[in-house]
Every structure is written in structure tokens, then in C-alpha cells.
Amino acid sequence: MLDETRKEMVIELIKERGEVTVRELSDHLGVSGVTIRKDLKELENLGLIVRTHGGAVLPSHTKVEWNFIQKSKQHVEEKLAIARKALEFVKSGDSIILDSGTTTLAMAREIKRMHLFPLTVVTNNLFIATELVGTSVDLVVLGGSVRENSFSLIGAFCEENLKKIYVDKAFIGATGFSTEGFMTPDINEAKIKNMMVSQASEIFIVVDSSKFAHPSFAIYTDFDKIDHVITDWNISTETEKTLKSLGMDVVKASKEGGDKN
């Protein structure tokens, strides 16, 4: 196998799985660990991947964003646990925003499965809308231009519609984290997320713990506007302390579905 072909396969495998180890790459491609480590070093020098302890991920600090369907297959157990924990904060008759994201998609699926009605759900994601259409949810779909990578609705039309509503709770995702705020790869999505934060009484960030490892591209909200961060059991003690020191309530979902506050 040519070196360049092998490196392309390495990148595709990382895109597919989210994170891979040297052993997984070695077994999959039929080459030695030494060869894989050399490939990873060269790919990192080109800015195409970021090496981790024993493996590699894509450089999430750039504007790179994986296809929505691919992302929905990553950290599935964690996202489901976060979704179930988040819905413990939703009561009958609430109006909520479900931001465009794979964790909020998991929330939509759980709303449907658990028959959490009556409920008003506002969303700017086509997959979430499709999941909830035909249920007893009072579904409000924000219009706008469709962003291909995330299947979200953005732009002036979406912004104008957001200005006309106010909800009890907003559940917002993130792809990155910095000391300045939560982040997303696209500046247009950042604007919509920021507006959603402004149009709700109570703000929840729903994010699996892997997102705390790297910054993304655009900050969409200050920490002082966030009430709760719902994440999974893998969050580091240091990150949890940082979030709490910034005034946020940190709620950890567990594999068993319970709390680890």
C-alpha cells in the first residue's frame, strides 16, 4: 500500500470513529505500530490530525466539522445518558428549545419514546423536526437556510423567527470549550445559539465530556448566561471544578442513569 493511500485511510478511519488508537489503525491497515506512529506524526505536522495518548483525533480547534450522521454515531452511550438526564428537568407543559446537535437529537428521540407530552419544542434542526413530527409534541420549526454539515437552519429568517418567541428552557450543544465560553465550528451557527440563549428563562448546555478536550472556532455565549451543564461521567475533576468556579451547576449523567453531582 502506498504511503499516501494509507494516510488517507487513516484520516477516513478517524472521521468515521471519532478517535482511534495506534493498535486499531495497525490492525485495520495491516502495518506495524511504528509505521502508524510515523504516519500520525507526519499528519499532525500537516495539521490534519491531533495525536492523543496512544492514538489520534481530528483537529477540532479548526473549522472542520464532521457530517452530522457520523457525529451521531460517536459517544452514543454518553449522549443517551445525557439526554435522559436533561429530560428530568423538563416538566409537562414546558416550552423548550432543542438546538441543532446530536445530543439534542438523542433528547428528541427520548421525548418520542417516553411520550413526554404535552410539550412545545422549538428546533432549528431537520433531523429533530423529522423525529418529532406526527407526535403529540407542539412542534415549531425555525425557518432559514439549511447548513449541509449539521442539517441546521441558520440565517436572517431563522433569526427573525427566534426574536418572536420565548421559552421556558433551552438545551444547547457545543463542539468545543475554552476559558472564554462554549464554542461551535461555524460563526453563523454561533449567532443562532447565542440568540437561543437570550430567548429562554433557563439555559442548559448538553455536551459529552470529549468536547472539553479542545476549543472549536467561535464562542457563542458567556459563562454567566448558563445555568446548568449536563455532561457524562468521564468529565475530569479539573474541568468540573473550573465550570463550578465559573458559577455553573454541573450535572453528571452516569451509565446507570443516576446522578453523580
C-alpha atoms as a PDB file:
ATOM      1  CA  MET A   1       0.000   0.000   0.000  1.00  0.00           C
ATOM      2  CA  LEU A   2       1.327   3.444  -0.955  1.00  0.00           C
ATOM      3  CA  ASP A   3       2.156   5.783   1.919  1.00  0.00           C
ATOM      4  CA  GLU A   4      -0.287   8.476   0.752  1.00  0.00           C
ATOM      5  CA  THR A   5      -3.102   5.961   0.306  1.00  0.00           C
ATOM      6  CA  ARG A   6      -2.504   4.628   3.809  1.00  0.00           C
ATOM      7  CA  LYS A   7      -2.540   8.141   5.290  1.00  0.00           C
ATOM      8  CA  GLU A   8      -5.822   8.914   3.532  1.00  0.00           C
ATOM      9  CA  MET A   9      -7.274   5.736   5.039  1.00  0.00           C
ATOM     10  CA  VAL A  10      -6.028   6.796   8.486  1.00  0.00           C
ATOM     11  CA  ILE A  11      -7.863  10.118   8.203  1.00  0.00           C
ATOM     12  CA  GLU A  12     -11.058   8.455   6.956  1.00  0.00           C
ATOM     13  CA  LEU A  13     -10.997   5.989   9.849  1.00  0.00           C
ATOM     14  CA  ILE A  14     -10.582   8.817  12.365  1.00  0.00           C
ATOM     15  CA  LYS A  15     -13.510  10.668  10.752  1.00  0.00           C
ATOM     16  CA  GLU A  16     -15.645   7.543  10.982  1.00  0.00           C
ATOM     17  CA  ARG A  17     -14.845   6.598  14.584  1.00  0.00           C
ATOM     18  CA  GLY A  18     -14.067   9.967  16.143  1.00  0.00           C
ATOM     19  CA  GLU A  19     -10.901   8.710  17.817  1.00  0.00           C
ATOM     20  CA  VAL A  20      -8.684   5.734  17.029  1.00  0.00           C
ATOM     21  CA  THR A  21      -5.737   4.048  18.716  1.00  0.00           C
ATOM     22  CA  VAL A  22      -2.447   3.069  17.148  1.00  0.00           C
ATOM     23  CA  ARG A  23      -3.370  -0.593  17.657  1.00  0.00           C
ATOM     24  CA  GLU A  24      -6.720  -0.165  15.872  1.00  0.00           C
ATOM     25  CA  LEU A  25      -5.037   1.523  12.930  1.00  0.00           C
ATOM     26  CA  SER A  26      -2.294  -1.084  12.832  1.00  0.00           C
ATOM     27  CA  ASP A  27      -4.785  -3.967  12.822  1.00  0.00           C
ATOM     28  CA  HIS A  28      -7.089  -2.307  10.298  1.00  0.00           C
ATOM     29  CA  LEU A  29      -4.355  -1.388   7.821  1.00  0.00           C
ATOM     30  CA  GLY A  30      -2.107  -4.401   8.376  1.00  0.00           C
ATOM     31  CA  VAL A  31       1.061  -2.445   9.169  1.00  0.00           C
ATOM     32  CA  SER A  32       3.268  -2.081  12.222  1.00  0.00           C
ATOM     33  CA  GLY A  33       2.688   0.298  15.097  1.00  0.00           C
ATOM     34  CA  VAL A  34       5.965   2.007  14.191  1.00  0.00           C
ATOM     35  CA  THR A  35       4.631   2.786  10.717  1.00  0.00           C
ATOM     36  CA  ILE A  36       1.359   4.113  12.123  1.00  0.00           C
ATOM     37  CA  ARG A  37       3.142   6.372  14.616  1.00  0.00           C
ATOM     38  CA  LYS A  38       5.301   7.744  11.780  1.00  0.00           C
ATOM     39  CA  ASP A  39       2.164   8.414   9.703  1.00  0.00           C
ATOM     40  CA  LEU A  40       0.435  10.141  12.624  1.00  0.00           C
ATOM     41  CA  LYS A  41       3.448  12.350  13.265  1.00  0.00           C
ATOM     42  CA  GLU A  42       3.550  13.435   9.612  1.00  0.00           C
ATOM     43  CA  LEU A  43      -0.215  14.042   9.513  1.00  0.00           C
ATOM     44  CA  GLU A  44      -0.023  16.100  12.700  1.00  0.00           C
ATOM     45  CA  ASN A  45       2.800  18.201  11.234  1.00  0.00           C
ATOM     46  CA  LEU A  46       0.471  18.958   8.322  1.00  0.00           C
ATOM     47  CA  GLY A  47      -2.283  19.977  10.754  1.00  0.00           C
ATOM     48  CA  LEU A  48      -4.616  17.193   9.602  1.00  0.00           C
ATOM     49  CA  ILE A  49      -4.875  15.276  12.898  1.00  0.00           C
ATOM     50  CA  VAL A  50      -4.036  15.704  16.575  1.00  0.00           C
ATOM     51  CA  ARG A  51      -2.171  12.909  18.324  1.00  0.00           C
ATOM     52  CA  THR A  52      -3.518  11.748  21.670  1.00  0.00           C
ATOM     53  CA  HIS A  53      -2.132   9.314  24.228  1.00  0.00           C
ATOM     54  CA  GLY A  54      -2.000   6.125  22.161  1.00  0.00           C
ATOM     55  CA  GLY A  55      -3.992   7.390  19.183  1.00  0.00           C
ATOM     56  CA  ALA A  56      -5.340  10.354  17.256  1.00  0.00           C
ATOM     57  CA  VAL A  57      -8.372  12.596  16.663  1.00  0.00           C
ATOM     58  CA  LEU A  58      -9.225  15.275  14.131  1.00  0.00           C
ATOM     59  CA  PRO A  59      -8.106  18.841  14.950  1.00  0.00           C
ATOM     60  CA  SER A  60     -11.360  20.083  16.487  1.00  0.00           C
ATOM     61  CA  HIS A  61      -9.848  23.506  17.123  1.00  0.00           C
ATOM     62  CA  THR A  62     -10.268  24.240  13.410  1.00  0.00           C
ATOM     63  CA  LYS A  63     -13.454  24.866  11.422  1.00  0.00           C
ATOM     64  CA  VAL A  64     -13.541  21.168  10.483  1.00  0.00           C
ATOM     65  CA  GLU A  65     -16.940  19.673  11.275  1.00  0.00           C
ATOM     66  CA  TRP A  66     -17.844  16.054  10.705  1.00  0.00           C
ATOM     67  CA  ASN A  67     -21.022  15.091   8.929  1.00  0.00           C
ATOM     68  CA  PHE A  68     -23.981  15.116  11.326  1.00  0.00           C
ATOM     69  CA  ILE A  69     -24.757  11.438  10.776  1.00  0.00           C
ATOM     70  CA  GLN A  70     -21.159  10.453  11.504  1.00  0.00           C
ATOM     71  CA  LYS A  71     -21.163  12.525  14.698  1.00  0.00           C
ATOM     72  CA  SER A  72     -24.399  10.920  15.857  1.00  0.00           C
ATOM     73  CA  LYS A  73     -22.557   7.572  15.942  1.00  0.00           C
ATOM     74  CA  GLN A  74     -19.875   8.869  18.308  1.00  0.00           C
ATOM     75  CA  HIS A  75     -20.153   8.669  22.117  1.00  0.00           C
ATOM     76  CA  VAL A  76     -23.617   7.157  21.734  1.00  0.00           C
ATOM     77  CA  GLU A  77     -23.839   5.813  25.290  1.00  0.00           C
ATOM     78  CA  GLU A  78     -22.821   9.143  26.789  1.00  0.00           C
ATOM     79  CA  LYS A  79     -25.221  11.161  24.646  1.00  0.00           C
ATOM     80  CA  LEU A  80     -28.150   8.931  25.526  1.00  0.00           C
ATOM     81  CA  ALA A  81     -27.386   9.199  29.241  1.00  0.00           C
ATOM     82  CA  ILE A  82     -27.076  12.986  28.959  1.00  0.00           C
ATOM     83  CA  ALA A  83     -30.377  13.166  27.044  1.00  0.00           C
ATOM     84  CA  ARG A  84     -32.208  11.193  29.717  1.00  0.00           C
ATOM     85  CA  LYS A  85     -30.701  13.280  32.488  1.00  0.00           C
ATOM     86  CA  ALA A  86     -31.616  16.516  30.689  1.00  0.00           C
ATOM     87  CA  LEU A  87     -35.228  15.441  30.319  1.00  0.00           C
ATOM     88  CA  GLU A  88     -35.504  15.098  34.102  1.00  0.00           C
ATOM     89  CA  PHE A  89     -35.534  18.909  34.081  1.00  0.00           C
ATOM     90  CA  VAL A  90     -38.474  19.067  31.654  1.00  0.00           C
ATOM     91  CA  LYS A  91     -41.991  19.023  33.041  1.00  0.00           C
ATOM     92  CA  SER A  92     -45.402  18.661  31.414  1.00  0.00           C
ATOM     93  CA  GLY A  93     -46.465  21.786  29.567  1.00  0.00           C
ATOM     94  CA  ASP A  94     -42.975  23.236  29.195  1.00  0.00           C
ATOM     95  CA  SER A  95     -41.815  25.066  26.104  1.00  0.00           C
ATOM     96  CA  ILE A  96     -38.229  24.171  25.186  1.00  0.00           C
ATOM     97  CA  ILE A  97     -35.628  24.815  22.519  1.00  0.00           C
ATOM     98  CA  LEU A  98     -33.649  21.880  21.166  1.00  0.00           C
ATOM     99  CA  ASP A  99     -30.615  23.315  19.437  1.00  0.00           C
ATOM    100  CA  SER A 100     -29.158  21.608  16.366  1.00  0.00           C
ATOM    101  CA  GLY A 101     -26.905  18.822  17.623  1.00  0.00           C
ATOM    102  CA  THR A 102     -26.561  15.089  18.082  1.00  0.00           C
ATOM    103  CA  THR A 103     -27.130  15.153  21.852  1.00  0.00           C
ATOM    104  CA  THR A 104     -30.307  17.188  21.387  1.00  0.00           C
ATOM    105  CA  LEU A 105     -31.324  14.698  18.703  1.00  0.00           C
ATOM    106  CA  ALA A 106     -30.981  11.999  21.355  1.00  0.00           C
ATOM    107  CA  MET A 107     -33.270  14.118  23.557  1.00  0.00           C
ATOM    108  CA  ALA A 108     -35.869  14.281  20.774  1.00  0.00           C
ATOM    109  CA  ARG A 109     -35.802  10.508  20.394  1.00  0.00           C
ATOM    110  CA  GLU A 110     -36.263  10.075  24.133  1.00  0.00           C
ATOM    111  CA  ILE A 111     -39.166  12.556  24.157  1.00  0.00           C
ATOM    112  CA  LYS A 112     -40.828  10.438  21.492  1.00  0.00           C
ATOM    113  CA  ARG A 113     -40.042   7.138  23.207  1.00  0.00           C
ATOM    114  CA  MET A 114     -41.204   8.309  26.636  1.00  0.00           C
ATOM    115  CA  HIS A 115     -44.301  10.116  25.324  1.00  0.00           C
ATOM    116  CA  LEU A 116     -43.392  13.312  27.174  1.00  0.00           C
ATOM    117  CA  PHE A 117     -46.472  15.264  26.197  1.00  0.00           C
ATOM    118  CA  PRO A 118     -47.855  17.937  26.303  1.00  0.00           C
ATOM    119  CA  LEU A 119     -44.710  19.780  25.324  1.00  0.00           C
ATOM    120  CA  THR A 120     -43.770  22.580  22.948  1.00  0.00           C
ATOM    121  CA  VAL A 121     -40.476  22.003  21.160  1.00  0.00           C
ATOM    122  CA  VAL A 122     -38.738  24.663  19.075  1.00  0.00           C
ATOM    123  CA  THR A 123     -35.843  23.494  16.906  1.00  0.00           C
ATOM    124  CA  ASN A 124     -33.638  24.536  14.011  1.00  0.00           C
ATOM    125  CA  ASN A 125     -32.548  21.003  13.119  1.00  0.00           C
ATOM    126  CA  LEU A 126     -34.172  18.985  10.342  1.00  0.00           C
ATOM    127  CA  PHE A 127     -33.447  15.593  11.924  1.00  0.00           C
ATOM    128  CA  ILE A 128     -35.009  16.665  15.218  1.00  0.00           C
ATOM    129  CA  ALA A 129     -38.042  18.023  13.386  1.00  0.00           C
ATOM    130  CA  THR A 130     -38.427  14.763  11.474  1.00  0.00           C
ATOM    131  CA  GLU A 131     -38.141  12.777  14.704  1.00  0.00           C
ATOM    132  CA  LEU A 132     -40.943  14.712  16.413  1.00  0.00           C
ATOM    133  CA  VAL A 133     -43.340  15.374  13.541  1.00  0.00           C
ATOM    134  CA  GLY A 134     -46.502  13.294  13.904  1.00  0.00           C
ATOM    135  CA  THR A 135     -46.187  13.029  17.690  1.00  0.00           C
ATOM    136  CA  SER A 136     -48.266  14.938  20.231  1.00  0.00           C
ATOM    137  CA  VAL A 137     -45.483  17.495  20.622  1.00  0.00           C
ATOM    138  CA  ASP A 138     -46.393  21.036  19.627  1.00  0.00           C
ATOM    139  CA  LEU A 139     -43.538  21.335  17.144  1.00  0.00           C
ATOM    140  CA  VAL A 140     -42.179  24.688  15.990  1.00  0.00           C
ATOM    141  CA  VAL A 141     -39.529  24.546  13.250  1.00  0.00           C
ATOM    142  CA  LEU A 142     -37.479  27.683  12.746  1.00  0.00           C
ATOM    143  CA  GLY A 143     -37.056  28.531   9.090  1.00  0.00           C
ATOM    144  CA  GLY A 144     -33.877  29.568   7.344  1.00  0.00           C
ATOM    145  CA  SER A 145     -31.108  28.321   5.114  1.00  0.00           C
ATOM    146  CA  VAL A 146     -30.041  24.699   5.558  1.00  0.00           C
ATOM    147  CA  ARG A 147     -26.434  24.186   6.603  1.00  0.00           C
ATOM    148  CA  GLU A 148     -25.365  20.934   4.967  1.00  0.00           C
ATOM    149  CA  ASN A 149     -22.845  19.648   7.527  1.00  0.00           C
ATOM    150  CA  SER A 150     -25.169  19.959  10.512  1.00  0.00           C
ATOM    151  CA  PHE A 151     -28.648  19.923   8.901  1.00  0.00           C
ATOM    152  CA  SER A 152     -29.387  23.067  10.887  1.00  0.00           C
ATOM    153  CA  LEU A 153     -31.383  26.107   9.853  1.00  0.00           C
ATOM    154  CA  ILE A 154     -29.491  29.386  10.031  1.00  0.00           C
ATOM    155  CA  GLY A 155     -29.603  32.879   8.594  1.00  0.00           C
ATOM    156  CA  ALA A 156     -31.742  36.001   8.782  1.00  0.00           C
ATOM    157  CA  PHE A 157     -35.096  34.217   8.513  1.00  0.00           C
ATOM    158  CA  CYS A 158     -34.231  31.923  11.437  1.00  0.00           C
ATOM    159  CA  GLU A 159     -33.002  34.889  13.470  1.00  0.00           C
ATOM    160  CA  GLU A 160     -36.186  36.877  12.896  1.00  0.00           C
ATOM    161  CA  ASN A 161     -38.350  33.936  13.986  1.00  0.00           C
ATOM    162  CA  LEU A 162     -36.278  33.452  17.131  1.00  0.00           C
ATOM    163  CA  LYS A 163     -36.891  37.070  18.137  1.00  0.00           C
ATOM    164  CA  LYS A 164     -40.633  36.368  18.236  1.00  0.00           C
ATOM    165  CA  ILE A 165     -40.561  33.545  20.786  1.00  0.00           C
ATOM    166  CA  TYR A 166     -39.594  32.982  24.423  1.00  0.00           C
ATOM    167  CA  VAL A 167     -39.363  29.551  26.044  1.00  0.00           C
ATOM    168  CA  ASP A 168     -39.013  28.035  29.489  1.00  0.00           C
ATOM    169  CA  LYS A 169     -35.793  26.153  28.817  1.00  0.00           C
ATOM    170  CA  ALA A 170     -33.139  25.948  26.090  1.00  0.00           C
ATOM    171  CA  PHE A 171     -30.910  22.913  25.579  1.00  0.00           C
ATOM    172  CA  ILE A 172     -27.823  23.903  23.623  1.00  0.00           C
ATOM    173  CA  GLY A 173     -24.959  21.759  22.361  1.00  0.00           C
ATOM    174  CA  ALA A 174     -21.297  22.608  21.815  1.00  0.00           C
ATOM    175  CA  THR A 175     -18.359  21.220  19.868  1.00  0.00           C
ATOM    176  CA  GLY A 176     -15.644  22.863  21.903  1.00  0.00           C
ATOM    177  CA  PHE A 177     -14.737  24.660  25.096  1.00  0.00           C
ATOM    178  CA  SER A 178     -12.343  27.414  26.098  1.00  0.00           C
ATOM    179  CA  THR A 179     -11.765  29.604  29.130  1.00  0.00           C
ATOM    180  CA  GLU A 180     -13.927  32.254  27.432  1.00  0.00           C
ATOM    181  CA  GLY A 181     -17.037  30.179  26.702  1.00  0.00           C
ATOM    182  CA  PHE A 182     -18.615  27.292  24.835  1.00  0.00           C
ATOM    183  CA  MET A 183     -17.888  27.043  21.134  1.00  0.00           C
ATOM    184  CA  THR A 184     -19.120  25.847  17.738  1.00  0.00           C
ATOM    185  CA  PRO A 185     -17.313  25.427  14.378  1.00  0.00           C
ATOM    186  CA  ASP A 186     -19.436  27.906  12.408  1.00  0.00           C
ATOM    187  CA  ILE A 187     -19.940  31.616  13.070  1.00  0.00           C
ATOM    188  CA  ASN A 188     -23.493  31.557  11.670  1.00  0.00           C
ATOM    189  CA  GLU A 189     -24.485  28.729  13.996  1.00  0.00           C
ATOM    190  CA  ALA A 190     -22.810  30.604  16.843  1.00  0.00           C
ATOM    191  CA  LYS A 191     -25.129  33.549  16.214  1.00  0.00           C
ATOM    192  CA  ILE A 192     -28.236  31.322  16.345  1.00  0.00           C
ATOM    193  CA  LYS A 193     -27.063  29.600  19.531  1.00  0.00           C
ATOM    194  CA  ASN A 194     -26.396  32.972  21.138  1.00  0.00           C
ATOM    195  CA  MET A 195     -29.909  34.127  20.291  1.00  0.00           C
ATOM    196  CA  MET A 196     -31.398  30.913  21.686  1.00  0.00           C
ATOM    197  CA  VAL A 197     -29.642  31.604  24.973  1.00  0.00           C
ATOM    198  CA  SER A 198     -31.284  35.042  25.024  1.00  0.00           C
ATOM    199  CA  GLN A 199     -34.752  33.662  24.318  1.00  0.00           C
ATOM    200  CA  ALA A 200     -35.069  31.249  27.270  1.00  0.00           C
ATOM    201  CA  SER A 201     -35.585  31.533  31.017  1.00  0.00           C
ATOM    202  CA  GLU A 202     -33.209  28.678  31.879  1.00  0.00           C
ATOM    203  CA  ILE A 203     -30.165  27.588  29.896  1.00  0.00           C
ATOM    204  CA  PHE A 204     -28.747  24.062  29.762  1.00  0.00           C
ATOM    205  CA  ILE A 205     -25.565  23.126  27.904  1.00  0.00           C
ATOM    206  CA  VAL A 206     -25.781  19.448  26.937  1.00  0.00           C
ATOM    207  CA  VAL A 207     -22.365  18.181  25.939  1.00  0.00           C
ATOM    208  CA  ASP A 208     -20.417  14.945  26.214  1.00  0.00           C
ATOM    209  CA  SER A 209     -17.121  15.220  28.056  1.00  0.00           C
ATOM    210  CA  SER A 210     -14.957  14.781  24.944  1.00  0.00           C
ATOM    211  CA  LYS A 211     -15.878  18.328  23.894  1.00  0.00           C
ATOM    212  CA  PHE A 212     -13.947  19.768  26.844  1.00  0.00           C
ATOM    213  CA  ALA A 213     -10.662  18.489  25.401  1.00  0.00           C
ATOM    214  CA  HIS A 214     -10.332  21.090  22.643  1.00  0.00           C
ATOM    215  CA  PRO A 215     -11.574  24.533  21.657  1.00  0.00           C
ATOM    216  CA  SER A 216     -13.581  24.938  18.462  1.00  0.00           C
ATOM    217  CA  PHE A 217     -13.859  28.040  16.251  1.00  0.00           C
ATOM    218  CA  ALA A 218     -16.472  30.505  17.507  1.00  0.00           C
ATOM    219  CA  ILE A 219     -17.603  31.334  21.060  1.00  0.00           C
ATOM    220  CA  TYR A 220     -21.376  31.656  21.244  1.00  0.00           C
ATOM    221  CA  THR A 221     -22.101  32.539  24.881  1.00  0.00           C
ATOM    222  CA  ASP A 222     -20.528  33.780  28.075  1.00  0.00           C
ATOM    223  CA  PHE A 223     -20.454  31.501  31.095  1.00  0.00           C
ATOM    224  CA  ASP A 224     -22.565  33.852  33.202  1.00  0.00           C
ATOM    225  CA  LYS A 225     -25.559  33.211  30.932  1.00  0.00           C
ATOM    226  CA  ILE A 226     -25.503  29.447  31.536  1.00  0.00           C
ATOM    227  CA  ASP A 227     -27.434  27.860  34.391  1.00  0.00           C
ATOM    228  CA  HIS A 228     -26.569  24.153  34.022  1.00  0.00           C
ATOM    229  CA  VAL A 229     -24.033  21.989  32.208  1.00  0.00           C
ATOM    230  CA  ILE A 230     -25.173  18.403  31.717  1.00  0.00           C
ATOM    231  CA  THR A 231     -22.377  16.045  30.757  1.00  0.00           C
ATOM    232  CA  ASP A 232     -21.236  12.461  31.321  1.00  0.00           C
ATOM    233  CA  TRP A 233     -19.249  10.521  33.898  1.00  0.00           C
ATOM    234  CA  ASN A 234     -15.936  10.972  32.049  1.00  0.00           C
ATOM    235  CA  ILE A 235     -15.570  14.685  32.757  1.00  0.00           C
ATOM    236  CA  SER A 236     -12.292  15.400  34.512  1.00  0.00           C
ATOM    237  CA  THR A 237     -12.246  16.663  38.085  1.00  0.00           C
ATOM    238  CA  GLU A 238     -10.279  19.710  36.950  1.00  0.00           C
ATOM    239  CA  THR A 239     -12.843  20.649  34.279  1.00  0.00           C
ATOM    240  CA  GLU A 240     -15.729  20.113  36.676  1.00  0.00           C
ATOM    241  CA  LYS A 241     -14.086  22.399  39.251  1.00  0.00           C
ATOM    242  CA  THR A 242     -13.479  25.026  36.571  1.00  0.00           C
ATOM    243  CA  LEU A 243     -17.120  25.017  35.493  1.00  0.00           C
ATOM    244  CA  LYS A 244     -18.358  25.252  39.067  1.00  0.00           C
ATOM    245  CA  SER A 245     -15.929  28.075  39.856  1.00  0.00           C
ATOM    246  CA  LEU A 246     -17.458  29.981  36.952  1.00  0.00           C
ATOM    247  CA  GLY A 247     -20.874  29.722  38.568  1.00  0.00           C
ATOM    248  CA  MET A 248     -22.403  26.850  36.621  1.00  0.00           C
ATOM    249  CA  ASP A 249     -24.309  23.905  38.051  1.00  0.00           C
ATOM    250  CA  VAL A 250     -22.657  20.715  36.776  1.00  0.00           C
ATOM    251  CA  VAL A 251     -24.874  17.652  36.396  1.00  0.00           C
ATOM    252  CA  LYS A 252     -23.238  14.345  35.508  1.00  0.00           C
ATOM    253  CA  ALA A 253     -25.207  11.550  33.931  1.00  0.00           C
ATOM    254  CA  SER A 254     -23.962   8.061  34.740  1.00  0.00           C
ATOM    255  CA  LYS A 255     -24.007   4.734  32.947  1.00  0.00           C
ATOM    256  CA  GLU A 256     -26.673   3.576  35.363  1.00  0.00           C
ATOM    257  CA  GLY A 257     -28.779   6.667  34.582  1.00  0.00           C
ATOM    258  CA  GLY A 258     -28.280   8.229  38.025  1.00  0.00           C
ATOM    259  CA  ASP A 259     -26.658  11.402  39.269  1.00  0.00           C
ATOM    260  CA  LYS A 260     -23.021  11.998  40.077  1.00  0.00           C
ATOM    261  CA  ASN A 261     -23.161  15.590  41.295  1.00  0.00           C
END
